[in-house]
Structures are given as C-alpha cells and as structure tokens.
Amino acid sequence: MVAAFEVLIATHPVRNLIREGRSNQLQNVMFTNQKEGMQTLENSLAALVVDNVITYEDAMSTRLTEGIDPHPRAIGQEPYSV
C-alpha cells in the first residue's frame, strides 16, 4: 500500500476562494501553483506511475477528477522501464 496525496497551501487566494464558496476552483489553483508546493492527486499518482510504484491502471481507478489523466506524460515525464 502506498499513499498518494494532494497538497493545498492556505494562500490568500485559496482562503478567498473558500470564503466565497468557490471551492470548485481549488483544483485549478493547485495545478497552477505547483512551484509553490501545491500538488493535485493526479500529479501525485503520475509520479507514482513514473517511479513504477503503481500501474497506470491503478492510477486511473484512483483519480478523483474525470477527464484528468494521471499519465506521466500529462506532467511531462516518461515512465521508467523495468
């Protein structure tokens, strides 16, 4: 068993979105603020696929958001060959 996780940092824009009830936009905030340490579940899953910890099929069955592909190429990485 392995953990895949999201990281949401409570920046001022994040707090404003939550305060205004616009939590549906938090996924975009995590995606666009990766340099600040935020991470979506799908990016975490893609990194696990790259490291050969889980299979692509496992990642697809675990993702939270339909239409977002946790494939390593989606985050600009190639899976390692075994």
PDB file of N, CA and C in Angstrom:
ATOM      1  N   MET A   1       0.845  -1.173   0.000  1.00  0.00           N
ATOM      2  CA  MET A   1       0.000   0.000   0.000  1.00  0.00           C
ATOM      3  C   MET A   1       0.893   1.240   0.000  1.00  0.00           C
ATOM      4  N   VAL A   2       0.458   2.251  -0.729  1.00  0.00           N
ATOM      5  CA  VAL A   2       1.246   3.471  -0.866  1.00  0.00           C
ATOM      6  C   VAL A   2       0.289   4.664  -0.833  1.00  0.00           C
ATOM      7  N   ALA A   3       0.798   5.795  -0.387  1.00  0.00           N
ATOM      8  CA  ALA A   3      -0.036   6.997  -0.281  1.00  0.00           C
ATOM      9  C   ALA A   3       0.156   7.909  -1.483  1.00  0.00           C
ATOM     10  N   ALA A   4      -0.941   8.393  -2.008  1.00  0.00           N
ATOM     11  CA  ALA A   4      -0.952   9.470  -2.997  1.00  0.00           C
ATOM     12  C   ALA A   4      -1.767  10.583  -2.355  1.00  0.00           C
ATOM     13  N   PHE A   5      -1.327  11.812  -2.510  1.00  0.00           N
ATOM     14  CA  PHE A   5      -1.991  12.878  -1.773  1.00  0.00           C
ATOM     15  C   PHE A   5      -2.006  14.192  -2.521  1.00  0.00           C
ATOM     16  N   GLU A   6      -2.925  15.059  -2.114  1.00  0.00           N
ATOM     17  CA  GLU A   6      -2.995  16.425  -2.614  1.00  0.00           C
ATOM     18  C   GLU A   6      -2.364  17.337  -1.578  1.00  0.00           C
ATOM     19  N   VAL A   7      -1.801  18.437  -2.064  1.00  0.00           N
ATOM     20  CA  VAL A   7      -1.253  19.452  -1.173  1.00  0.00           C
ATOM     21  C   VAL A   7      -1.885  20.784  -1.569  1.00  0.00           C
ATOM     22  N   LEU A   8      -2.600  21.377  -0.649  1.00  0.00           N
ATOM     23  CA  LEU A   8      -3.218  22.685  -0.847  1.00  0.00           C
ATOM     24  C   LEU A   8      -2.676  23.596   0.242  1.00  0.00           C
ATOM     25  N   ILE A   9      -2.004  24.656  -0.154  1.00  0.00           N
ATOM     26  CA  ILE A   9      -1.426  25.600   0.802  1.00  0.00           C
ATOM     27  C   ILE A   9      -2.391  26.765   0.972  1.00  0.00           C
ATOM     28  N   ALA A  10      -2.622  27.157   2.199  1.00  0.00           N
ATOM     29  CA  ALA A  10      -3.610  28.199   2.517  1.00  0.00           C
ATOM     30  C   ALA A  10      -3.061  29.592   2.215  1.00  0.00           C
ATOM     31  N   THR A  11      -2.936  29.885   0.916  1.00  0.00           N
ATOM     32  CA  THR A  11      -2.512  31.221   0.494  1.00  0.00           C
ATOM     33  C   THR A  11      -3.724  32.158   0.570  1.00  0.00           C
ATOM     34  N   HIS A  12      -3.481  33.440   0.394  1.00  0.00           N
ATOM     35  CA  HIS A  12      -4.603  34.387   0.422  1.00  0.00           C
ATOM     36  C   HIS A  12      -5.637  34.082  -0.663  1.00  0.00           C
ATOM     37  N   PRO A  13      -5.210  33.796  -1.907  1.00  0.00           N
ATOM     38  CA  PRO A  13      -6.229  33.440  -2.917  1.00  0.00           C
ATOM     39  C   PRO A  13      -7.023  32.186  -2.552  1.00  0.00           C
ATOM     40  N   VAL A  14      -6.370  31.187  -1.975  1.00  0.00           N
ATOM     41  CA  VAL A  14      -7.071  29.963  -1.563  1.00  0.00           C
ATOM     42  C   VAL A  14      -8.090  30.290  -0.480  1.00  0.00           C
ATOM     43  N   ARG A  15      -7.684  31.071   0.493  1.00  0.00           N
ATOM     44  CA  ARG A  15      -8.612  31.453   1.570  1.00  0.00           C
ATOM     45  C   ARG A  15      -9.808  32.230   1.032  1.00  0.00           C
ATOM     46  N   ASN A  16      -9.553  33.115   0.060  1.00  0.00           N
ATOM     47  CA  ASN A  16     -10.648  33.879  -0.532  1.00  0.00           C
ATOM     48  C   ASN A  16     -11.619  32.967  -1.279  1.00  0.00           C
ATOM     49  N   LEU A  17     -11.089  32.010  -2.035  1.00  0.00           N
ATOM     50  CA  LEU A  17     -11.970  31.082  -2.748  1.00  0.00           C
ATOM     51  C   LEU A  17     -12.848  30.305  -1.783  1.00  0.00           C
ATOM     52  N   ILE A  18     -12.261  29.833  -0.695  1.00  0.00           N
ATOM     53  CA  ILE A  18     -13.035  29.077   0.298  1.00  0.00           C
ATOM     54  C   ILE A  18     -14.068  29.976   0.955  1.00  0.00           C
ATOM     55  N   ARG A  19     -13.669  31.174   1.327  1.00  0.00           N
ATOM     56  CA  ARG A  19     -14.577  32.124   1.983  1.00  0.00           C
ATOM     57  C   ARG A  19     -15.758  32.460   1.075  1.00  0.00           C
ATOM     58  N   GLU A  20     -15.490  32.575  -0.233  1.00  0.00           N
ATOM     59  CA  GLU A  20     -16.530  32.944  -1.198  1.00  0.00           C
ATOM     60  C   GLU A  20     -17.325  31.741  -1.700  1.00  0.00           C
ATOM     61  N   GLY A  21     -17.005  30.539  -1.176  1.00  0.00           N
ATOM     62  CA  GLY A  21     -17.746  29.349  -1.574  1.00  0.00           C
ATOM     63  C   GLY A  21     -17.410  28.850  -2.964  1.00  0.00           C
ATOM     64  N   ARG A  22     -16.230  29.184  -3.465  1.00  0.00           N
ATOM     65  CA  ARG A  22     -15.830  28.780  -4.818  1.00  0.00           C
ATOM     66  C   ARG A  22     -14.793  27.663  -4.759  1.00  0.00           C
ATOM     67  N   SER A  23     -15.056  26.680  -3.919  1.00  0.00           N
ATOM     68  CA  SER A  23     -14.106  25.580  -3.738  1.00  0.00           C
ATOM     69  C   SER A  23     -13.927  24.749  -5.002  1.00  0.00           C
ATOM     70  N   ASN A  24     -14.856  24.856  -5.945  1.00  0.00           N
ATOM     71  CA  ASN A  24     -14.717  24.131  -7.207  1.00  0.00           C
ATOM     72  C   ASN A  24     -13.504  24.608  -8.013  1.00  0.00           C
ATOM     73  N   GLN A  25     -12.926  25.745  -7.668  1.00  0.00           N
ATOM     74  CA  GLN A  25     -11.769  26.283  -8.374  1.00  0.00           C
ATOM     75  C   GLN A  25     -10.437  25.893  -7.729  1.00  0.00           C
ATOM     76  N   LEU A  26     -10.483  25.174  -6.613  1.00  0.00           N
ATOM     77  CA  LEU A  26      -9.252  24.823  -5.903  1.00  0.00           C
ATOM     78  C   LEU A  26      -8.360  23.877  -6.709  1.00  0.00           C
ATOM     79  N   GLN A  27      -8.948  22.998  -7.498  1.00  0.00           N
ATOM     80  CA  GLN A  27      -8.162  22.086  -8.340  1.00  0.00           C
ATOM     81  C   GLN A  27      -7.261  22.880  -9.279  1.00  0.00           C
ATOM     82  N   ASN A  28      -7.816  23.924  -9.903  1.00  0.00           N
ATOM     83  CA  ASN A  28      -7.029  24.770 -10.802  1.00  0.00           C
ATOM     84  C   ASN A  28      -5.922  25.496 -10.049  1.00  0.00           C
ATOM     85  N   VAL A  29      -6.221  25.955  -8.850  1.00  0.00           N
ATOM     86  CA  VAL A  29      -5.213  26.647  -8.040  1.00  0.00           C
ATOM     87  C   VAL A  29      -4.055  25.711  -7.722  1.00  0.00           C
ATOM     88  N   MET A  30      -4.356  24.471  -7.335  1.00  0.00           N
ATOM     89  CA  MET A  30      -3.289  23.505  -7.039  1.00  0.00           C
ATOM     90  C   MET A  30      -2.450  23.239  -8.281  1.00  0.00           C
ATOM     91  N   PHE A  31      -3.109  23.103  -9.415  1.00  0.00           N
ATOM     92  CA  PHE A  31      -2.391  22.805 -10.655  1.00  0.00           C
ATOM     93  C   PHE A  31      -1.482  23.954 -11.066  1.00  0.00           C
ATOM     94  N   THR A  32      -1.975  25.190 -10.964  1.00  0.00           N
ATOM     95  CA  THR A  32      -1.191  26.343 -11.427  1.00  0.00           C
ATOM     96  C   THR A  32      -0.161  26.815 -10.407  1.00  0.00           C
ATOM     97  N   ASN A  33      -0.203  26.313  -9.189  1.00  0.00           N
ATOM     98  CA  ASN A  33       0.748  26.743  -8.158  1.00  0.00           C
ATOM     99  C   ASN A  33       1.654  25.611  -7.692  1.00  0.00           C
ATOM    100  N   GLN A  34       2.031  24.743  -8.616  1.00  0.00           N
ATOM    101  CA  GLN A  34       2.911  23.633  -8.269  1.00  0.00           C
ATOM    102  C   GLN A  34       4.278  24.116  -7.800  1.00  0.00           C
ATOM    103  N   LYS A  35       4.753  25.232  -8.328  1.00  0.00           N
ATOM    104  CA  LYS A  35       6.059  25.760  -7.921  1.00  0.00           C
ATOM    105  C   LYS A  35       6.067  26.178  -6.452  1.00  0.00           C
ATOM    106  N   GLU A  36       4.893  26.494  -5.925  1.00  0.00           N
ATOM    107  CA  GLU A  36       4.777  26.873  -4.518  1.00  0.00           C
ATOM    108  C   GLU A  36       4.594  25.660  -3.608  1.00  0.00           C
ATOM    109  N   GLY A  37       4.593  24.463  -4.194  1.00  0.00           N
ATOM    110  CA  GLY A  37       4.485  23.239  -3.411  1.00  0.00           C
ATOM    111  C   GLY A  37       3.117  22.588  -3.405  1.00  0.00           C
ATOM    112  N   MET A  38       2.175  23.158  -4.155  1.00  0.00           N
ATOM    113  CA  MET A  38       0.855  22.535  -4.223  1.00  0.00           C
ATOM    114  C   MET A  38       0.892  21.363  -5.187  1.00  0.00           C
ATOM    115  N   GLN A  39       0.005  20.403  -4.971  1.00  0.00           N
ATOM    116  CA  GLN A  39       0.007  19.197  -5.797  1.00  0.00           C
ATOM    117  C   GLN A  39      -1.394  18.613  -5.871  1.00  0.00           C
ATOM    118  N   THR A  40      -1.809  18.232  -7.069  1.00  0.00           N
ATOM    119  CA  THR A  40      -3.089  17.544  -7.228  1.00  0.00           C
ATOM    120  C   THR A  40      -2.885  16.053  -7.007  1.00  0.00           C
ATOM    121  N   LEU A  41      -3.965  15.356  -6.713  1.00  0.00           N
ATOM    122  CA  LEU A  41      -3.892  13.908  -6.556  1.00  0.00           C
ATOM    123  C   LEU A  41      -3.413  13.266  -7.845  1.00  0.00           C
ATOM    124  N   GLU A  42      -3.880  13.783  -8.972  1.00  0.00           N
ATOM    125  CA  GLU A  42      -3.499  13.210 -10.259  1.00  0.00           C
ATOM    126  C   GLU A  42      -1.998  13.354 -10.509  1.00  0.00           C
ATOM    127  N   ASN A  43      -1.394  14.473 -10.114  1.00  0.00           N
ATOM    128  CA  ASN A  43       0.059  14.624 -10.256  1.00  0.00           C
ATOM    129  C   ASN A  43       0.800  13.671  -9.331  1.00  0.00           C
ATOM    130  N   SER A  44       0.276  13.462  -8.148  1.00  0.00           N
ATOM    131  CA  SER A  44       0.881  12.512  -7.220  1.00  0.00           C
ATOM    132  C   SER A  44       0.817  11.097  -7.796  1.00  0.00           C
ATOM    133  N   LEU A  45      -0.328  10.748  -8.371  1.00  0.00           N
ATOM    134  CA  LEU A  45      -0.485   9.427  -8.988  1.00  0.00           C
ATOM    135  C   LEU A  45       0.470   9.273 -10.168  1.00  0.00           C
ATOM    136  N   ALA A  46       0.604  10.310 -10.991  1.00  0.00           N
ATOM    137  CA  ALA A  46       1.504  10.243 -12.144  1.00  0.00           C
ATOM    138  C   ALA A  46       2.946  10.035 -11.696  1.00  0.00           C
ATOM    139  N   ALA A  47       3.349  10.688 -10.617  1.00  0.00           N
ATOM    140  CA  ALA A  47       4.710  10.500 -10.096  1.00  0.00           C
ATOM    141  C   ALA A  47       4.911   9.062  -9.619  1.00  0.00           C
ATOM    142  N   LEU A  48       3.891   8.467  -9.032  1.00  0.00           N
ATOM    143  CA  LEU A  48       3.987   7.074  -8.588  1.00  0.00           C
ATOM    144  C   LEU A  48       4.068   6.122  -9.781  1.00  0.00           C
ATOM    145  N   VAL A  49       3.390   6.472 -10.877  1.00  0.00           N
ATOM    146  CA  VAL A  49       3.494   5.668 -12.095  1.00  0.00           C
ATOM    147  C   VAL A  49       4.911   5.776 -12.658  1.00  0.00           C
ATOM    148  N   VAL A  50       5.456   6.983 -12.694  1.00  0.00           N
ATOM    149  CA  VAL A  50       6.816   7.200 -13.195  1.00  0.00           C
ATOM    150  C   VAL A  50       7.827   6.382 -12.400  1.00  0.00           C
ATOM    151  N   ASP A  51       7.637   6.323 -11.099  1.00  0.00           N
ATOM    152  CA  ASP A  51       8.560   5.587 -10.227  1.00  0.00           C
ATOM    153  C   ASP A  51       8.262   4.087 -10.180  1.00  0.00           C
ATOM    154  N   ASN A  52       7.309   3.636 -10.998  1.00  0.00           N
ATOM    155  CA  ASN A  52       6.916   2.221 -11.043  1.00  0.00           C
ATOM    156  C   ASN A  52       6.443   1.689  -9.691  1.00  0.00           C
ATOM    157  N   VAL A  53       5.804   2.548  -8.913  1.00  0.00           N
ATOM    158  CA  VAL A  53       5.243   2.133  -7.629  1.00  0.00           C
ATOM    159  C   VAL A  53       3.843   1.575  -7.831  1.00  0.00           C
ATOM    160  N   ILE A  54       3.090   2.206  -8.752  1.00  0.00           N
ATOM    161  CA  ILE A  54       1.748   1.739  -9.098  1.00  0.00           C
ATOM    162  C   ILE A  54       1.647   1.652 -10.618  1.00  0.00           C
ATOM    163  N   THR A  55       0.628   0.966 -11.098  1.00  0.00           N
ATOM    164  CA  THR A  55       0.410   0.885 -12.534  1.00  0.00           C
ATOM    165  C   THR A  55      -0.467   2.053 -12.989  1.00  0.00           C
ATOM    166  N   TYR A  56      -0.442   2.300 -14.278  1.00  0.00           N
ATOM    167  CA  TYR A  56      -1.302   3.325 -14.855  1.00  0.00           C
ATOM    168  C   TYR A  56      -2.768   2.995 -14.600  1.00  0.00           C
ATOM    169  N   GLU A  57      -3.114   1.728 -14.674  1.00  0.00           N
ATOM    170  CA  GLU A  57      -4.494   1.302 -14.430  1.00  0.00           C
ATOM    171  C   GLU A  57      -4.914   1.607 -12.990  1.00  0.00           C
ATOM    172  N   ASP A  58      -4.009   1.375 -12.022  1.00  0.00           N
ATOM    173  CA  ASP A  58      -4.301   1.721 -10.626  1.00  0.00           C
ATOM    174  C   ASP A  58      -4.534   3.219 -10.489  1.00  0.00           C
ATOM    175  N   ALA A  59      -3.710   4.011 -11.156  1.00  0.00           N
ATOM    176  CA  ALA A  59      -3.852   5.467 -11.092  1.00  0.00           C
ATOM    177  C   ALA A  59      -5.198   5.901 -11.657  1.00  0.00           C
ATOM    178  N   MET A  60      -5.598   5.301 -12.774  1.00  0.00           N
ATOM    179  CA  MET A  60      -6.874   5.668 -13.391  1.00  0.00           C
ATOM    180  C   MET A  60      -8.055   5.315 -12.493  1.00  0.00           C
ATOM    181  N   SER A  61      -7.951   4.222 -11.759  1.00  0.00           N
ATOM    182  CA  SER A  61      -9.067   3.826 -10.904  1.00  0.00           C
ATOM    183  C   SER A  61      -9.124   4.634  -9.611  1.00  0.00           C
ATOM    184  N   THR A  62      -8.058   5.341  -9.294  1.00  0.00           N
ATOM    185  CA  THR A  62      -7.983   6.088  -8.039  1.00  0.00           C
ATOM    186  C   THR A  62      -8.233   7.581  -8.220  1.00  0.00           C
ATOM    187  N   ARG A  63      -8.058   8.106  -9.409  1.00  0.00           N
ATOM    188  CA  ARG A  63      -8.161   9.559  -9.633  1.00  0.00           C
ATOM    189  C   ARG A  63      -9.506  10.095  -9.167  1.00  0.00           C
ATOM    190  N   LEU A  64      -9.516  11.346  -8.779  1.00  0.00           N
ATOM    191  CA  LEU A  64     -10.732  11.988  -8.285  1.00  0.00           C
ATOM    192  C   LEU A  64     -11.523  12.686  -9.377  1.00  0.00           C
ATOM    193  N   THR A  65     -10.819  13.205 -10.363  1.00  0.00           N
ATOM    194  CA  THR A  65     -11.456  14.054 -11.352  1.00  0.00           C
ATOM    195  C   THR A  65     -11.530  13.364 -12.701  1.00  0.00           C
ATOM    196  N   GLU A  66     -12.733  13.162 -13.198  1.00  0.00           N
ATOM    197  CA  GLU A  66     -12.908  12.604 -14.540  1.00  0.00           C
ATOM    198  C   GLU A  66     -12.341  13.593 -15.547  1.00  0.00           C
ATOM    199  N   GLY A  67     -11.715  13.073 -16.568  1.00  0.00           N
ATOM    200  CA  GLY A  67     -11.173  13.938 -17.611  1.00  0.00           C
ATOM    201  C   GLY A  67      -9.752  14.399 -17.344  1.00  0.00           C
ATOM    202  N   ILE A  68      -9.225  14.158 -16.149  1.00  0.00           N
ATOM    203  CA  ILE A  68      -7.833  14.491 -15.856  1.00  0.00           C
ATOM    204  C   ILE A  68      -7.059  13.194 -15.829  1.00  0.00           C
ATOM    205  N   ASP A  69      -6.080  13.110 -16.707  1.00  0.00           N
ATOM    206  CA  ASP A  69      -5.328  11.877 -16.897  1.00  0.00           C
ATOM    207  C   ASP A  69      -4.084  11.869 -16.014  1.00  0.00           C
ATOM    208  N   PRO A  70      -3.953  10.890 -15.104  1.00  0.00           N
ATOM    209  CA  PRO A  70      -2.760  10.818 -14.266  1.00  0.00           C
ATOM    210  C   PRO A  70      -1.592  10.122 -14.954  1.00  0.00           C
ATOM    211  N   HIS A  71      -1.538  10.206 -16.281  1.00  0.00           N
ATOM    212  CA  HIS A  71      -0.450   9.569 -17.017  1.00  0.00           C
ATOM    213  C   HIS A  71       0.816  10.414 -16.874  1.00  0.00           C
ATOM    214  N   PRO A  72       1.971   9.787 -16.747  1.00  0.00           N
ATOM    215  CA  PRO A  72       3.223  10.532 -16.594  1.00  0.00           C
ATOM    216  C   PRO A  72       3.440  11.571 -17.691  1.00  0.00           C
ATOM    217  N   ARG A  73       3.031  11.279 -18.912  1.00  0.00           N
ATOM    218  CA  ARG A  73       3.214  12.248 -19.989  1.00  0.00           C
ATOM    219  C   ARG A  73       2.382  13.500 -19.755  1.00  0.00           C
ATOM    220  N   ALA A  74       1.312  13.372 -18.972  1.00  0.00           N
ATOM    221  CA  ALA A  74       0.471  14.529 -18.666  1.00  0.00           C
ATOM    222  C   ALA A  74       1.207  15.542 -17.797  1.00  0.00           C
ATOM    223  N   ILE A  75       2.245  15.089 -17.078  1.00  0.00           N
ATOM    224  CA  ILE A  75       3.038  16.018 -16.261  1.00  0.00           C
ATOM    225  C   ILE A  75       4.449  16.159 -16.839  1.00  0.00           C
ATOM    226  N   GLY A  76       4.611  15.733 -18.105  1.00  0.00           N
ATOM    227  CA  GLY A  76       5.876  15.926 -18.790  1.00  0.00           C
ATOM    228  C   GLY A  76       6.981  14.964 -18.396  1.00  0.00           C
ATOM    229  N   GLN A  77       6.632  13.767 -17.938  1.00  0.00           N
ATOM    230  CA  GLN A  77       7.622  12.774 -17.561  1.00  0.00           C
ATOM    231  C   GLN A  77       7.372  11.482 -18.302  1.00  0.00           C
ATOM    232  N   GLU A  78       8.396  10.717 -18.471  1.00  0.00           N
ATOM    233  CA  GLU A  78       8.285   9.402 -19.093  1.00  0.00           C
ATOM    234  C   GLU A  78       8.401   8.342 -18.007  1.00  0.00           C
ATOM    235  N   PRO A  79       7.594   7.294 -18.073  1.00  0.00           N
ATOM    236  CA  PRO A  79       7.742   6.211 -17.093  1.00  0.00           C
ATOM    237  C   PRO A  79       9.072   5.486 -17.288  1.00  0.00           C
ATOM    238  N   TYR A  80       9.652   5.054 -16.193  1.00  0.00           N
ATOM    239  CA  TYR A  80      10.885   4.277 -16.257  1.00  0.00           C
ATOM    240  C   TYR A  80      10.566   2.899 -16.771  1.00  0.00           C
ATOM    241  N   SER A  81      11.472   2.332 -17.553  1.00  0.00           N
ATOM    242  CA  SER A  81      11.269   0.947 -17.974  1.00  0.00           C
ATOM    243  C   SER A  81      11.844   0.016 -16.919  1.00  0.00           C
ATOM    244  N   VAL A  82      11.197  -1.113 -16.754  1.00  0.00           N
ATOM    245  CA  VAL A  82      11.611  -2.052 -15.713  1.00  0.00           C
ATOM    246  C   VAL A  82      12.471  -3.139 -16.312  1.00  0.00           C
TER     247      VAL A  82
END
